[in-house]
Amino acid sequence: MSLSLHAAKALLDGGIDATSALNSALERVMLHASEEDYAELKKSFGHAMAGVLAATVDVALQAYPELKPDSDAWQEIARGCAARRACNKIE
């Protein structure tokens, strides 16, 4: 796959946004889940997040390793994407 830099950045941001959204959903689900369901739900969401990361972030970073965000940048991307999603301003 030959990605442009802009496509890789969009893929990276989208993957970070998707995993952040899944994490937020998991947090809400866990407020209402039984103790018996906790481990299975956490494992299920973990598999989903791993799949999203493999299909998005890993692909973007394979094409452009210099895009690898540090933890602060990762959180900033997640916050920005979540804010745009909340306002229906996805580009």
N, C-alpha and C. Protein backbone atom coordinates (compact mmCIF):
# COMPACT_ATOMS: atom_id res chain seq x y z
N MET A 1 0.85 -1.17 0.00
CA MET A 1 0.00 0.00 0.00
C MET A 1 0.90 1.23 0.00
N SER A 2 0.55 2.16 -0.85
CA SER A 2 1.32 3.40 -0.95
C SER A 2 0.44 4.56 -0.51
N LEU A 3 0.63 4.99 0.72
CA LEU A 3 -0.18 6.08 1.28
C LEU A 3 0.52 7.42 1.11
N SER A 4 -0.27 8.44 0.84
CA SER A 4 0.29 9.78 0.89
C SER A 4 0.44 10.16 2.36
N LEU A 5 1.22 11.17 2.62
CA LEU A 5 1.40 11.62 4.00
C LEU A 5 0.06 12.05 4.60
N HIS A 6 -0.76 12.75 3.82
CA HIS A 6 -2.06 13.20 4.33
C HIS A 6 -2.98 12.02 4.64
N ALA A 7 -2.95 11.00 3.79
CA ALA A 7 -3.76 9.80 4.03
C ALA A 7 -3.28 9.09 5.30
N ALA A 8 -1.97 9.00 5.48
CA ALA A 8 -1.42 8.35 6.67
C ALA A 8 -1.81 9.11 7.93
N LYS A 9 -1.76 10.44 7.88
CA LYS A 9 -2.16 11.24 9.04
C LYS A 9 -3.63 11.04 9.36
N ALA A 10 -4.48 10.99 8.32
CA ALA A 10 -5.91 10.77 8.53
C ALA A 10 -6.16 9.38 9.12
N LEU A 11 -5.42 8.39 8.64
CA LEU A 11 -5.54 7.03 9.15
C LEU A 11 -5.09 6.96 10.60
N LEU A 12 -4.00 7.61 10.91
CA LEU A 12 -3.49 7.65 12.28
C LEU A 12 -4.51 8.31 13.21
N ASP A 13 -4.99 9.49 12.83
CA ASP A 13 -5.96 10.20 13.66
C ASP A 13 -7.25 9.39 13.81
N GLY A 14 -7.69 8.79 12.73
CA GLY A 14 -8.91 7.98 12.79
C GLY A 14 -8.76 6.77 13.71
N GLY A 15 -7.62 6.14 13.66
CA GLY A 15 -7.38 4.98 14.53
C GLY A 15 -7.32 5.37 15.99
N ILE A 16 -6.67 6.50 16.27
CA ILE A 16 -6.60 6.99 17.64
C ILE A 16 -7.99 7.36 18.13
N ASP A 17 -8.77 8.04 17.27
CA ASP A 17 -10.13 8.42 17.62
C ASP A 17 -10.99 7.20 17.88
N ALA A 18 -10.89 6.20 17.02
CA ALA A 18 -11.71 4.99 17.18
C ALA A 18 -11.37 4.24 18.47
N THR A 19 -10.09 4.10 18.77
CA THR A 19 -9.74 3.40 20.01
C THR A 19 -10.14 4.21 21.23
N SER A 20 -10.06 5.51 21.14
CA SER A 20 -10.50 6.36 22.24
C SER A 20 -12.00 6.22 22.45
N ALA A 21 -12.75 6.19 21.35
CA ALA A 21 -14.20 6.01 21.45
C ALA A 21 -14.55 4.66 22.05
N LEU A 22 -13.83 3.62 21.64
CA LEU A 22 -14.06 2.29 22.23
C LEU A 22 -13.74 2.29 23.72
N ASN A 23 -12.67 2.96 24.10
CA ASN A 23 -12.31 3.02 25.51
C ASN A 23 -13.39 3.74 26.32
N SER A 24 -13.92 4.83 25.77
CA SER A 24 -15.00 5.56 26.45
C SER A 24 -16.25 4.68 26.58
N ALA A 25 -16.55 3.96 25.52
CA ALA A 25 -17.71 3.06 25.56
C ALA A 25 -17.51 1.98 26.62
N LEU A 26 -16.31 1.42 26.68
CA LEU A 26 -16.02 0.39 27.68
C LEU A 26 -16.20 0.94 29.09
N GLU A 27 -15.72 2.14 29.32
CA GLU A 27 -15.88 2.75 30.64
C GLU A 27 -17.36 2.88 31.02
N ARG A 28 -18.19 3.29 30.05
CA ARG A 28 -19.63 3.42 30.32
C ARG A 28 -20.28 2.06 30.54
N VAL A 29 -19.89 1.07 29.73
CA VAL A 29 -20.43 -0.28 29.87
C VAL A 29 -20.08 -0.84 31.23
N MET A 30 -18.86 -0.63 31.68
CA MET A 30 -18.41 -1.22 32.94
C MET A 30 -19.16 -0.65 34.14
N LEU A 31 -19.74 0.53 33.99
CA LEU A 31 -20.55 1.08 35.08
C LEU A 31 -21.79 0.25 35.34
N HIS A 32 -22.23 -0.48 34.32
CA HIS A 32 -23.49 -1.22 34.42
C HIS A 32 -23.31 -2.73 34.29
N ALA A 33 -22.09 -3.18 34.12
CA ALA A 33 -21.83 -4.60 33.92
C ALA A 33 -21.64 -5.31 35.26
N SER A 34 -22.00 -6.57 35.26
CA SER A 34 -21.80 -7.38 36.47
C SER A 34 -20.32 -7.77 36.57
N GLU A 35 -19.94 -8.16 37.77
CA GLU A 35 -18.56 -8.60 37.98
C GLU A 35 -18.24 -9.82 37.12
N GLU A 36 -19.24 -10.66 36.89
CA GLU A 36 -19.04 -11.86 36.08
C GLU A 36 -18.72 -11.50 34.63
N ASP A 37 -19.28 -10.41 34.16
CA ASP A 37 -19.08 -10.00 32.76
C ASP A 37 -17.83 -9.16 32.56
N TYR A 38 -17.26 -8.62 33.61
CA TYR A 38 -16.15 -7.67 33.52
C TYR A 38 -15.00 -8.18 32.66
N ALA A 39 -14.46 -9.33 33.00
CA ALA A 39 -13.28 -9.84 32.29
C ALA A 39 -13.58 -10.11 30.82
N GLU A 40 -14.75 -10.69 30.53
CA GLU A 40 -15.10 -11.00 29.15
C GLU A 40 -15.30 -9.73 28.32
N LEU A 41 -15.95 -8.73 28.91
CA LEU A 41 -16.15 -7.47 28.20
C LEU A 41 -14.83 -6.76 27.94
N LYS A 42 -13.98 -6.73 28.95
CA LYS A 42 -12.68 -6.07 28.80
C LYS A 42 -11.86 -6.76 27.71
N LYS A 43 -11.90 -8.08 27.68
CA LYS A 43 -11.17 -8.84 26.66
C LYS A 43 -11.75 -8.57 25.27
N SER A 44 -13.06 -8.52 25.17
CA SER A 44 -13.72 -8.27 23.90
C SER A 44 -13.36 -6.89 23.36
N PHE A 45 -13.43 -5.88 24.21
CA PHE A 45 -13.06 -4.53 23.78
C PHE A 45 -11.57 -4.45 23.45
N GLY A 46 -10.75 -5.16 24.19
CA GLY A 46 -9.32 -5.18 23.90
C GLY A 46 -9.03 -5.76 22.52
N HIS A 47 -9.74 -6.83 22.15
CA HIS A 47 -9.57 -7.40 20.82
C HIS A 47 -10.02 -6.40 19.75
N ALA A 48 -11.13 -5.72 20.00
CA ALA A 48 -11.61 -4.73 19.04
C ALA A 48 -10.60 -3.60 18.86
N MET A 49 -10.06 -3.11 19.97
CA MET A 49 -9.08 -2.02 19.90
C MET A 49 -7.81 -2.47 19.17
N ALA A 50 -7.36 -3.69 19.44
CA ALA A 50 -6.16 -4.21 18.77
C ALA A 50 -6.39 -4.30 17.27
N GLY A 51 -7.58 -4.72 16.87
CA GLY A 51 -7.90 -4.80 15.45
C GLY A 51 -7.91 -3.43 14.79
N VAL A 52 -8.49 -2.46 15.46
CA VAL A 52 -8.52 -1.10 14.93
C VAL A 52 -7.10 -0.55 14.80
N LEU A 53 -6.30 -0.73 15.83
CA LEU A 53 -4.92 -0.24 15.79
C LEU A 53 -4.13 -0.89 14.67
N ALA A 54 -4.30 -2.19 14.48
CA ALA A 54 -3.56 -2.90 13.44
C ALA A 54 -3.96 -2.40 12.04
N ALA A 55 -5.23 -2.09 11.87
CA ALA A 55 -5.73 -1.68 10.56
C ALA A 55 -5.52 -0.20 10.26
N THR A 56 -5.20 0.58 11.26
CA THR A 56 -5.09 2.02 11.05
C THR A 56 -3.73 2.56 11.48
N VAL A 57 -3.52 2.65 12.77
CA VAL A 57 -2.29 3.25 13.30
C VAL A 57 -1.06 2.50 12.82
N ASP A 58 -1.07 1.19 12.89
CA ASP A 58 0.10 0.41 12.47
C ASP A 58 0.39 0.61 10.98
N VAL A 59 -0.65 0.68 10.17
CA VAL A 59 -0.47 0.88 8.72
C VAL A 59 0.12 2.27 8.46
N ALA A 60 -0.41 3.27 9.13
CA ALA A 60 0.10 4.64 8.96
C ALA A 60 1.57 4.74 9.38
N LEU A 61 1.89 4.13 10.51
CA LEU A 61 3.27 4.21 11.02
C LEU A 61 4.24 3.37 10.22
N GLN A 62 3.74 2.33 9.59
CA GLN A 62 4.60 1.54 8.73
C GLN A 62 5.02 2.37 7.51
N ALA A 63 4.08 3.17 7.01
CA ALA A 63 4.38 4.02 5.86
C ALA A 63 5.21 5.24 6.26
N TYR A 64 4.92 5.80 7.43
CA TYR A 64 5.59 7.03 7.88
C TYR A 64 5.94 6.90 9.37
N PRO A 65 7.03 6.22 9.70
CA PRO A 65 7.41 6.02 11.11
C PRO A 65 7.57 7.33 11.88
N GLU A 66 7.90 8.39 11.17
CA GLU A 66 8.10 9.68 11.84
C GLU A 66 6.80 10.26 12.40
N LEU A 67 5.67 9.69 12.05
CA LEU A 67 4.38 10.17 12.57
C LEU A 67 4.06 9.62 13.96
N LYS A 68 4.90 8.72 14.46
CA LYS A 68 4.61 8.08 15.75
C LYS A 68 4.45 9.14 16.84
N PRO A 69 3.23 9.22 17.41
CA PRO A 69 2.99 10.24 18.44
C PRO A 69 3.47 9.78 19.82
N ASP A 70 3.92 10.75 20.61
CA ASP A 70 4.21 10.42 22.01
C ASP A 70 2.87 10.40 22.75
N SER A 71 2.87 10.06 24.01
CA SER A 71 1.61 9.91 24.74
C SER A 71 0.83 11.23 24.83
N ASP A 72 1.52 12.35 24.94
CA ASP A 72 0.83 13.64 24.98
C ASP A 72 0.15 13.94 23.65
N ALA A 73 0.86 13.69 22.56
CA ALA A 73 0.28 13.93 21.24
C ALA A 73 -0.90 12.99 21.00
N TRP A 74 -0.77 11.73 21.43
CA TRP A 74 -1.85 10.74 21.28
C TRP A 74 -3.11 11.26 21.98
N GLN A 75 -2.95 11.73 23.21
CA GLN A 75 -4.10 12.24 23.97
C GLN A 75 -4.69 13.48 23.32
N GLU A 76 -3.85 14.36 22.79
CA GLU A 76 -4.34 15.57 22.13
C GLU A 76 -5.14 15.22 20.87
N ILE A 77 -4.64 14.26 20.10
CA ILE A 77 -5.37 13.82 18.90
C ILE A 77 -6.72 13.24 19.31
N ALA A 78 -6.72 12.40 20.34
CA ALA A 78 -7.97 11.77 20.80
C ALA A 78 -8.96 12.83 21.27
N ARG A 79 -8.49 13.81 22.03
CA ARG A 79 -9.38 14.88 22.51
C ARG A 79 -9.94 15.70 21.35
N GLY A 80 -9.09 16.05 20.41
CA GLY A 80 -9.53 16.84 19.27
C GLY A 80 -10.55 16.10 18.41
N CYS A 81 -10.30 14.83 18.16
CA CYS A 81 -11.23 14.03 17.37
C CYS A 81 -12.56 13.86 18.10
N ALA A 82 -12.49 13.63 19.39
CA ALA A 82 -13.73 13.46 20.17
C ALA A 82 -14.54 14.75 20.17
N ALA A 83 -13.87 15.88 20.27
CA ALA A 83 -14.58 17.16 20.25
C ALA A 83 -15.24 17.39 18.89
N ARG A 84 -14.53 17.08 17.81
CA ARG A 84 -15.13 17.24 16.48
C ARG A 84 -16.29 16.28 16.29
N ARG A 85 -16.13 15.03 16.76
CA ARG A 85 -17.21 14.04 16.65
C ARG A 85 -18.43 14.51 17.43
N ALA A 86 -18.22 15.08 18.60
CA ALA A 86 -19.33 15.54 19.43
C ALA A 86 -20.08 16.69 18.76
N CYS A 87 -19.38 17.47 17.98
CA CYS A 87 -20.01 18.60 17.26
C CYS A 87 -20.37 18.23 15.83
N ASN A 88 -20.23 16.96 15.46
CA ASN A 88 -20.49 16.51 14.10
C ASN A 88 -19.66 17.25 13.07
N LYS A 89 -18.41 17.49 13.41
CA LYS A 89 -17.50 18.21 12.51
C LYS A 89 -16.35 17.32 12.04
N ILE A 90 -16.67 16.10 11.66
CA ILE A 90 -15.64 15.19 11.16
C ILE A 90 -15.27 15.62 9.74
N GLU A 91 -13.98 15.72 9.50
CA GLU A 91 -13.50 16.14 8.17
C GLU A 91 -13.25 14.94 7.29
